[in-house]
Amino acid sequence: AEKLNFFRYLSHFRSVHRGAYFAELRTTTVRKLLPESWGFMCPVHTPDGAPCGLLNHFTAACRIITHGPESPAEAENAIAQVLASCGMMPAAPAV
């Protein structure tokens, strides 16, 4: 049945289930989309009813990587380059 709609079939592989333990909790905190997940988790693509907020999907632009930079300095430079390309200006001149 999933192969009838190709895009639904693909979205199945982008789904993230938080687990059955969280479904038993009576709090809504675990179901909320936290600010740090914006851009990674789709705020719209979650089912209605009991699994709402527990079954989420990655956004189309989200990519999973399995390795990081070799050194912290490389990571810092890469983050600074991305922020600069988005228009952010440094608060203090580089020393």
Protein backbone atom coordinates (compact mmCIF):
# COMPACT_ATOMS: atom_id res chain seq x y z
CA ALA A 1 0.00 0.00 0.00
CA GLU A 2 2.91 2.37 0.65
CA LYS A 3 4.19 2.00 -2.89
CA LEU A 4 0.96 3.44 -4.34
CA ASN A 5 2.13 6.93 -3.45
CA PHE A 6 5.85 7.30 -4.09
CA PHE A 7 6.27 10.41 -1.92
CA ARG A 8 4.56 8.74 1.03
CA TYR A 9 6.85 5.76 0.50
CA LEU A 10 9.90 8.05 0.66
CA SER A 11 8.62 9.92 3.73
CA HIS A 12 8.49 6.62 5.61
CA PHE A 13 12.30 6.52 5.53
CA ARG A 14 12.53 10.05 6.92
CA SER A 15 10.36 9.31 9.95
CA VAL A 16 11.63 9.41 13.53
CA HIS A 17 9.63 7.65 16.24
CA ARG A 18 10.35 8.70 19.81
CA GLY A 19 9.34 5.33 21.27
CA ALA A 20 6.45 3.69 23.11
CA TYR A 21 7.68 4.93 26.49
CA PHE A 22 6.86 8.54 25.63
CA ALA A 23 3.34 7.59 24.47
CA GLU A 24 2.50 6.57 28.04
CA LEU A 25 3.51 9.92 29.54
CA ARG A 26 0.67 12.28 30.43
CA THR A 27 2.70 15.44 29.80
CA THR A 28 2.72 17.41 26.56
CA THR A 29 6.35 18.47 26.93
CA VAL A 30 7.71 15.47 25.00
CA ARG A 31 5.33 16.19 22.12
CA LYS A 32 6.33 19.82 21.56
CA LEU A 33 8.65 20.85 18.79
CA LEU A 34 11.59 22.47 20.56
CA PRO A 35 13.34 25.52 19.09
CA GLU A 36 16.59 23.61 18.51
CA SER A 37 14.82 21.15 16.18
CA TRP A 38 13.53 23.81 13.76
CA GLY A 39 15.06 23.18 10.35
CA PHE A 40 15.67 19.53 11.16
CA MET A 41 12.19 18.26 12.07
CA CYS A 42 9.09 19.08 10.04
CA PRO A 43 6.60 21.01 12.23
CA VAL A 44 3.63 19.94 10.10
CA HIS A 45 4.23 16.29 9.21
CA THR A 46 3.03 14.52 12.37
CA PRO A 47 -0.10 12.38 12.73
CA ASP A 48 -3.23 13.40 14.61
CA GLY A 49 -4.38 11.60 17.74
CA ALA A 50 -2.28 9.65 20.23
CA PRO A 51 1.05 9.61 18.30
CA CYS A 52 0.92 13.38 17.66
CA GLY A 53 4.39 14.81 18.26
CA LEU A 54 5.91 11.39 18.83
CA LEU A 55 6.20 10.37 15.18
CA ASN A 56 8.08 13.15 13.40
CA HIS A 57 9.80 13.44 10.05
CA PHE A 58 13.07 15.04 8.99
CA THR A 59 12.74 18.10 6.78
CA ALA A 60 13.59 17.84 3.10
CA ALA A 61 16.77 19.87 3.61
CA CYS A 62 18.03 17.80 6.57
CA ARG A 63 21.05 15.63 5.90
CA ILE A 64 22.51 13.02 8.26
CA ILE A 65 26.30 12.97 8.50
CA THR A 66 28.37 10.31 10.21
CA HIS A 67 31.63 12.21 10.66
CA GLY A 68 32.63 15.67 11.73
CA PRO A 69 35.63 17.93 11.31
CA GLU A 70 39.01 16.69 12.43
CA SER A 71 39.63 19.52 14.90
CA PRO A 72 37.53 22.03 16.87
CA ALA A 73 39.22 24.87 14.97
CA GLU A 74 37.93 23.45 11.67
CA ALA A 75 34.40 23.28 13.08
CA GLU A 76 34.62 26.85 14.35
CA ASN A 77 35.85 28.12 10.98
CA ALA A 78 33.14 26.21 9.11
CA ILE A 79 30.41 27.63 11.35
CA ALA A 80 31.81 31.15 10.97
CA GLN A 81 31.82 30.78 7.16
CA VAL A 82 28.21 29.62 7.09
CA LEU A 83 27.10 32.46 9.35
CA ALA A 84 28.99 35.01 7.25
CA SER A 85 27.41 33.64 4.05
CA CYS A 86 24.00 34.20 5.67
CA GLY A 87 24.83 37.86 6.24
CA MET A 88 25.93 37.79 9.88
CA MET A 89 28.68 40.24 10.75
CA PRO A 90 31.21 39.65 13.55
CA ALA A 91 30.57 41.57 16.79
CA ALA A 92 34.26 42.15 17.38
CA PRO A 93 37.17 42.25 14.93
CA ALA A 94 39.24 39.10 14.63
CA VAL A 95 42.32 39.12 16.81
